[in-house]
Amino acid sequence: MARHAIITGGAGFIGSHLLDKLLDEGEWQVTVIDNFHPFYPRAIKEANIRQHRRNPAFTLIEGDILDDRTLETAFGRAVGGDTTVIHLAALAGVRPSIADPVAYHKVNVKGTLKLLEKARAHGVAHFVLASSSSVYGENPRVPWKESLPDLYPISPYAATKLAAEQFTRVYARLHGLNTTVLRFFTVYGPRQRPDLAIHSFFRKISEGTPIQQFGDGGTRRDYTFVDDIISGVRGAMDRTMAHEVGQGAFDVFNLGNSATVALRELIAAIEKEVGRKAIIQVRPEQPGDVPQTFANVEKARDRFDYVPSTDIADGLGHFHRWYAEMENARRSVPNA
């Protein structure tokens, strides 16, 4: 019997790559829940999953994780101990969360709680939560280990991710649900959302329009290529569970590249890749943005052989080739 995966946000950037991986393995029935939120054009998500539309192992449920009927439809296909939930759906972004914290709480916290309830009720084998490096806040003790005791988020987005982690921990302890939290570090690559920095920088530098640099360019990020993230997610999905009496397994893992790149260095690397200088508009640093992110990934390496292998230059090259293909395809369509 095929294993069953429920991927929330499965038509999005990371989710569609995971969908590709599971269907390519040929051992999974995959149910995707996605609400095609108008945060960016629907056509992008449609393109992400187009190749799987006729695959009998793929089911798309268009709906919201806050909607009970949507969840019951998805979990009604669950085969208890053969089902893994990978919860990727969320309202993303630090700056928008400052403008609308209530919406972020509703989707990222209440939505996670509703999924945990369904997972408990249907006896799923494993619940995997996508969290964020933002939960570490401004902690200066880098590279960050999962065992750091003091987590002080500095944005509503980060706070919702930490709250979702805590509910996941509670469900493992109270209800015996096997759970894993994965803290993603600045994921990039083909299909990245058009509003995110790398995608936006490629587009604007290619077009000769200005890019915005917040601060002096010294902020540092642990940019992680999407293929490495998917490798980590798959390892975490199959990791060996260590149970204690009366409770499910729970653990937290960083998935990063374990190398940091300054913003000014990123811009220079994209300039080199595109073959054109950026027009830079310097803006003040933004509230909620942390000065650096830096993952210690030893725990994931030890537990499920997570070894990120894509450096920033190679990753930007992969992204550029995808971006060029998408732009060529767009230009070939009249009135696109």
Protein backbone atom coordinates (compact mmCIF):
# COMPACT_ATOMS: atom_id res chain seq x y z
CA MET A 1 0.00 0.00 0.00
CA ALA A 2 1.28 3.47 -0.91
CA ARG A 3 2.14 5.87 1.86
CA HIS A 4 -0.02 8.97 2.13
CA ALA A 5 1.21 12.55 2.55
CA ILE A 6 -0.88 15.64 3.19
CA ILE A 7 1.02 18.79 2.20
CA THR A 8 -0.50 22.11 3.20
CA GLY A 9 0.61 24.91 0.89
CA GLY A 10 1.64 22.23 -1.58
CA ALA A 11 1.23 24.42 -4.67
CA GLY A 12 3.65 27.00 -3.33
CA PHE A 13 7.40 27.37 -3.58
CA ILE A 14 8.69 24.75 -1.13
CA GLY A 15 5.54 22.67 -1.16
CA SER A 16 5.58 22.06 -4.91
CA HIS A 17 9.21 20.93 -4.78
CA LEU A 18 8.28 18.45 -2.04
CA LEU A 19 5.32 17.32 -4.15
CA ASP A 20 7.69 16.68 -7.08
CA LYS A 21 10.01 14.67 -4.85
CA LEU A 22 7.33 12.45 -3.33
CA LEU A 23 5.61 11.70 -6.63
CA ASP A 24 8.94 11.00 -8.30
CA GLU A 25 9.64 8.39 -5.62
CA GLY A 26 6.55 6.52 -6.79
CA GLU A 27 5.59 5.29 -3.33
CA TRP A 28 3.23 8.05 -2.21
CA GLN A 29 -0.34 9.18 -2.59
CA VAL A 30 -0.14 12.95 -2.07
CA THR A 31 -2.99 15.24 -1.05
CA VAL A 32 -2.28 18.96 -1.40
CA ILE A 33 -4.28 21.62 0.43
CA ASP A 34 -3.78 25.11 -0.99
CA ASN A 35 -6.03 28.17 -0.95
CA PHE A 36 -4.23 29.99 -3.80
CA HIS A 37 -4.02 33.11 -1.66
CA PRO A 38 -3.88 36.25 -3.84
CA PHE A 39 -0.65 37.39 -2.16
CA TYR A 40 0.88 36.64 -5.56
CA PRO A 41 -0.59 35.56 -8.91
CA ARG A 42 -2.49 32.28 -9.01
CA ALA A 43 -0.87 31.42 -12.34
CA ILE A 44 2.47 30.92 -10.60
CA LYS A 45 1.10 28.22 -8.32
CA GLU A 46 -0.84 26.65 -11.17
CA ALA A 47 2.42 26.33 -13.12
CA ASN A 48 4.13 24.75 -10.09
CA ILE A 49 1.76 21.77 -10.07
CA ARG A 50 0.69 21.55 -13.72
CA GLN A 51 2.80 18.51 -14.51
CA HIS A 52 0.98 16.47 -11.84
CA ARG A 53 -2.61 17.30 -12.72
CA ARG A 54 -3.22 13.94 -14.44
CA ASN A 55 -1.24 11.85 -11.98
CA PRO A 56 -3.65 9.51 -10.14
CA ALA A 57 -1.38 9.67 -7.08
CA PHE A 58 -2.04 13.41 -6.75
CA THR A 59 -5.11 15.07 -5.27
CA LEU A 60 -5.55 18.84 -5.02
CA ILE A 61 -7.99 20.24 -2.50
CA GLU A 62 -8.44 23.93 -3.04
CA GLY A 63 -9.37 25.39 0.30
CA ASP A 64 -8.22 27.03 3.50
CA ILE A 65 -6.67 25.31 6.51
CA LEU A 66 -9.10 27.30 8.68
CA ASP A 67 -12.07 25.68 6.93
CA ASP A 68 -13.37 22.54 8.66
CA ARG A 69 -14.89 21.09 5.50
CA THR A 70 -11.59 21.43 3.64
CA LEU A 71 -9.70 19.68 6.42
CA GLU A 72 -12.25 16.89 6.76
CA THR A 73 -12.04 16.24 3.03
CA ALA A 74 -8.25 16.00 3.19
CA PHE A 75 -8.04 13.95 6.36
CA GLY A 76 -10.90 11.73 5.25
CA ARG A 77 -8.36 10.18 2.87
CA ALA A 78 -5.90 9.59 5.71
CA VAL A 79 -4.95 6.01 6.45
CA GLY A 80 -3.96 6.53 10.08
CA GLY A 81 -0.51 5.11 10.60
CA ASP A 82 0.39 5.46 6.93
CA THR A 83 -0.23 9.23 6.73
CA THR A 84 2.32 11.99 7.23
CA VAL A 85 1.25 15.63 7.42
CA ILE A 86 3.76 18.24 6.22
CA HIS A 87 2.41 21.63 7.26
CA LEU A 88 3.95 24.33 5.08
CA ALA A 89 0.99 26.69 4.63
CA ALA A 90 1.36 30.03 6.40
CA LEU A 91 1.17 33.75 6.04
CA ALA A 92 4.82 34.59 5.46
CA GLY A 93 6.95 37.69 5.81
CA VAL A 94 8.13 39.83 8.68
CA ARG A 95 7.07 43.25 7.39
CA PRO A 96 3.48 42.34 6.39
CA SER A 97 2.99 40.71 9.78
CA ILE A 98 3.64 44.05 11.49
CA ALA A 99 0.85 45.60 9.42
CA ASP A 100 -1.66 42.80 10.15
CA PRO A 101 -0.64 40.74 13.19
CA VAL A 102 -4.17 39.45 13.84
CA ALA A 103 -4.38 37.80 10.42
CA TYR A 104 -0.96 36.20 10.95
CA HIS A 105 -2.03 34.82 14.31
CA LYS A 106 -5.26 33.45 12.84
CA VAL A 107 -3.59 31.57 9.98
CA ASN A 108 -0.27 30.56 11.52
CA VAL A 109 -1.39 29.69 15.04
CA LYS A 110 -5.08 28.80 14.81
CA GLY A 111 -4.52 27.09 11.46
CA THR A 112 -1.75 24.93 12.94
CA LEU A 113 -3.91 24.08 15.94
CA LYS A 114 -6.80 22.97 13.70
CA LEU A 115 -4.43 20.74 11.72
CA LEU A 116 -3.02 19.23 14.91
CA GLU A 117 -6.56 18.44 16.05
CA LYS A 118 -7.33 16.66 12.78
CA ALA A 119 -4.02 14.79 12.90
CA ARG A 120 -4.80 13.63 16.44
CA ALA A 121 -8.35 12.61 15.59
CA HIS A 122 -7.27 10.61 12.54
CA GLY A 123 -4.25 9.01 14.20
CA VAL A 124 -1.69 10.14 11.64
CA ALA A 125 1.78 8.68 11.83
CA HIS A 126 3.78 11.90 11.80
CA PHE A 127 3.13 15.65 11.84
CA VAL A 128 5.93 17.83 10.40
CA LEU A 129 5.73 21.58 11.01
CA ALA A 130 7.65 24.10 8.92
CA SER A 131 8.91 26.79 11.28
CA SER A 132 11.40 29.59 10.75
CA SER A 133 14.82 30.82 11.79
CA SER A 134 13.04 34.02 12.83
CA VAL A 135 12.12 32.38 16.16
CA TYR A 136 15.73 32.93 17.31
CA GLY A 137 15.27 36.71 17.20
CA GLU A 138 18.46 38.67 17.72
CA ASN A 139 20.28 36.03 19.75
CA PRO A 140 24.03 36.75 19.34
CA ARG A 141 25.12 33.17 20.09
CA VAL A 142 25.65 32.01 16.51
CA PRO A 143 25.57 29.59 14.85
CA TRP A 144 22.19 28.95 16.44
CA LYS A 145 21.57 25.57 18.01
CA GLU A 146 18.11 24.16 18.55
CA SER A 147 18.89 23.87 22.26
CA LEU A 148 19.18 27.64 22.82
CA PRO A 149 16.94 28.32 25.83
CA ASP A 150 16.01 31.96 25.27
CA LEU A 151 13.92 32.58 22.15
CA TYR A 152 12.64 36.13 21.88
CA PRO A 153 10.96 36.83 18.51
CA ILE A 154 10.97 40.46 17.36
CA SER A 155 8.12 40.33 14.83
CA PRO A 156 4.53 39.06 14.87
CA TYR A 157 5.45 36.54 12.16
CA ALA A 158 8.22 35.08 14.30
CA ALA A 159 5.97 35.01 17.35
CA THR A 160 3.31 33.04 15.46
CA LYS A 161 5.89 30.50 14.35
CA LEU A 162 7.13 29.99 17.89
CA ALA A 163 3.55 29.63 19.14
CA ALA A 164 2.88 27.00 16.45
CA GLU A 165 5.98 25.12 17.61
CA GLN A 166 4.72 25.10 21.19
CA PHE A 167 1.30 23.76 20.24
CA THR A 168 3.05 21.00 18.29
CA ARG A 169 5.08 20.12 21.38
CA VAL A 170 1.94 20.04 23.51
CA TYR A 171 0.17 17.64 21.13
CA ALA A 172 3.12 15.28 21.23
CA ARG A 173 3.05 15.22 25.01
CA LEU A 174 -0.71 15.16 25.62
CA HIS A 175 -1.91 13.05 22.73
CA GLY A 176 1.05 10.88 21.74
CA LEU A 177 1.33 12.50 18.30
CA ASN A 178 4.68 11.99 16.60
CA THR A 179 5.87 15.48 15.66
CA THR A 180 8.86 17.21 14.10
CA VAL A 181 9.56 20.95 13.84
CA LEU A 182 11.86 22.16 11.06
CA ARG A 183 13.29 25.67 11.27
CA PHE A 184 13.96 26.84 7.71
CA PHE A 185 16.70 29.39 7.03
CA THR A 186 16.04 31.81 4.11
CA VAL A 187 15.07 29.34 1.39
CA TYR A 188 15.63 30.32 -2.24
CA GLY A 189 15.67 28.69 -5.65
CA PRO A 190 13.42 28.05 -8.66
CA ARG A 191 9.73 28.95 -8.04
CA GLN A 192 10.62 31.35 -5.23
CA ARG A 193 7.87 33.88 -4.58
CA PRO A 194 8.33 37.03 -6.71
CA ASP A 195 8.24 39.33 -3.66
CA LEU A 196 11.26 37.74 -1.97
CA ALA A 197 14.65 39.39 -2.18
CA ILE A 198 16.55 37.12 -4.57
CA HIS A 199 13.70 36.88 -7.06
CA SER A 200 12.99 40.60 -6.83
CA PHE A 201 16.67 41.51 -7.21
CA PHE A 202 17.07 39.33 -10.32
CA ARG A 203 14.04 40.88 -11.94
CA LYS A 204 14.90 44.49 -11.15
CA ILE A 205 18.60 44.26 -11.94
CA SER A 206 17.77 42.53 -15.25
CA GLU A 207 15.27 45.28 -16.09
CA GLY A 208 17.58 48.10 -14.97
CA THR A 209 15.15 49.31 -12.32
CA PRO A 210 16.26 50.25 -8.78
CA ILE A 211 16.43 47.75 -5.93
CA GLN A 212 15.97 48.69 -2.31
CA GLN A 213 18.73 47.94 0.18
CA PHE A 214 17.59 48.23 3.76
CA GLY A 215 20.45 49.40 5.96
CA ASP A 216 24.12 49.50 5.06
CA GLY A 217 24.13 46.06 3.40
CA GLY A 218 25.77 44.37 6.36
CA THR A 219 22.85 42.22 7.50
CA ARG A 220 23.67 38.55 7.01
CA ARG A 221 21.46 35.61 6.06
CA ASP A 222 21.96 31.86 5.93
CA TYR A 223 20.63 31.39 2.37
CA THR A 224 19.60 27.77 1.80
CA PHE A 225 18.89 26.28 -1.63
CA VAL A 226 15.50 24.63 -1.97
CA ASP A 227 16.90 21.23 -3.02
CA ASP A 228 18.84 21.07 0.25
CA ILE A 229 15.70 21.98 2.18
CA ILE A 230 13.72 19.22 0.46
CA SER A 231 16.48 16.74 1.26
CA GLY A 232 16.18 17.76 4.90
CA VAL A 233 12.38 17.50 4.91
CA ARG A 234 12.54 13.99 3.45
CA GLY A 235 15.10 12.94 6.02
CA ALA A 236 12.98 14.34 8.81
CA MET A 237 9.84 12.62 7.49
CA ASP A 238 11.54 9.24 7.77
CA ARG A 239 13.56 9.85 10.91
CA THR A 240 13.57 7.24 13.64
CA MET A 241 11.26 8.23 16.48
CA ALA A 242 12.43 7.98 20.10
CA HIS A 243 9.34 7.58 22.27
CA GLU A 244 8.89 8.09 25.97
CA VAL A 245 6.17 6.30 27.88
CA GLY A 246 2.80 7.97 27.43
CA GLN A 247 3.80 10.54 24.83
CA GLY A 248 4.72 10.90 21.20
CA ALA A 249 8.07 11.85 19.80
CA PHE A 250 8.90 15.55 19.45
CA ASP A 251 12.04 17.23 18.20
CA VAL A 252 13.26 20.42 16.53
CA PHE A 253 15.83 20.68 13.74
CA ASN A 254 17.50 23.53 11.90
CA LEU A 255 17.58 23.26 8.11
CA GLY A 256 20.05 25.84 6.85
CA ASN A 257 23.19 26.08 4.76
CA SER A 258 25.31 26.85 7.83
CA ALA A 259 27.05 29.73 6.05
CA THR A 260 26.14 33.40 6.10
CA VAL A 261 26.15 35.95 3.28
CA ALA A 262 25.96 39.72 3.75
CA LEU A 263 23.29 41.59 1.80
CA ARG A 264 25.91 43.59 -0.10
CA GLU A 265 27.65 40.30 -1.01
CA LEU A 266 24.37 38.84 -2.25
CA ILE A 267 23.73 41.86 -4.46
CA ALA A 268 27.25 41.65 -5.89
CA ALA A 269 26.80 37.93 -6.64
CA ILE A 270 23.51 38.59 -8.44
CA GLU A 271 25.13 41.44 -10.41
CA LYS A 272 27.83 38.99 -11.52
CA GLU A 273 25.28 36.35 -12.46
CA VAL A 274 23.08 38.78 -14.41
CA GLY A 275 26.00 40.67 -15.94
CA ARG A 276 24.62 44.06 -14.98
CA LYS A 277 25.17 46.52 -12.12
CA ALA A 278 22.36 47.17 -9.70
CA ILE A 279 20.82 50.58 -9.16
CA ILE A 280 20.67 50.66 -5.38
CA GLN A 281 18.37 52.81 -3.29
CA VAL A 282 19.44 52.73 0.35
CA ARG A 283 16.58 52.70 2.84
CA PRO A 284 16.51 52.63 6.66
CA GLU A 285 16.64 49.27 8.37
CA GLN A 286 13.17 47.80 8.80
CA PRO A 287 11.50 46.99 12.13
CA GLY A 288 11.38 43.25 12.78
CA ASP A 289 14.40 42.41 10.61
CA VAL A 290 17.16 40.59 12.50
CA PRO A 291 20.82 41.47 11.88
CA GLN A 292 21.85 37.89 11.06
CA THR A 293 20.73 34.29 10.77
CA PHE A 294 23.16 31.40 11.04
CA ALA A 295 22.22 27.73 11.46
CA ASN A 296 24.08 25.03 13.30
CA VAL A 297 22.91 21.90 11.43
CA GLU A 298 24.88 19.26 13.32
CA LYS A 299 21.75 17.81 14.91
CA ALA A 300 19.98 17.24 11.58
CA ARG A 301 23.18 15.80 10.12
CA ASP A 302 23.52 13.36 13.00
CA ARG A 303 19.85 12.30 13.11
CA PHE A 304 18.99 11.99 9.42
CA ASP A 305 22.13 12.74 7.38
CA TYR A 306 21.23 16.29 6.40
CA VAL A 307 24.21 17.72 4.50
CA PRO A 308 23.50 20.93 2.52
CA SER A 309 25.63 20.91 -0.62
CA THR A 310 24.70 24.01 -2.65
CA ASP A 311 26.76 27.15 -2.14
CA ILE A 312 25.34 30.57 -2.91
CA ALA A 313 27.06 30.95 -6.31
CA ASP A 314 25.76 27.62 -7.60
CA GLY A 315 22.31 28.24 -6.14
CA LEU A 316 22.04 31.64 -7.81
CA GLY A 317 23.10 30.04 -11.10
CA HIS A 318 20.30 27.46 -10.80
CA PHE A 319 17.83 30.21 -10.00
CA HIS A 320 19.00 32.36 -12.91
CA ARG A 321 18.52 29.56 -15.43
CA TRP A 322 14.99 28.95 -14.16
CA TYR A 323 14.23 32.67 -14.14
CA ALA A 324 15.46 33.09 -17.72
CA GLU A 325 13.30 30.17 -18.87
CA MET A 326 10.24 31.64 -17.18
CA GLU A 327 10.84 35.07 -18.67
CA ASN A 328 11.34 33.63 -22.16
CA ALA A 329 8.11 31.65 -21.82
CA ARG A 330 6.25 34.73 -20.61
CA ARG A 331 7.48 36.87 -23.49
CA SER A 332 6.43 34.23 -26.00
CA VAL A 333 2.79 34.55 -24.92
CA PRO A 334 0.97 37.46 -26.59
CA ASN A 335 -0.11 40.19 -24.15
CA ALA A 336 1.59 38.36 -21.26
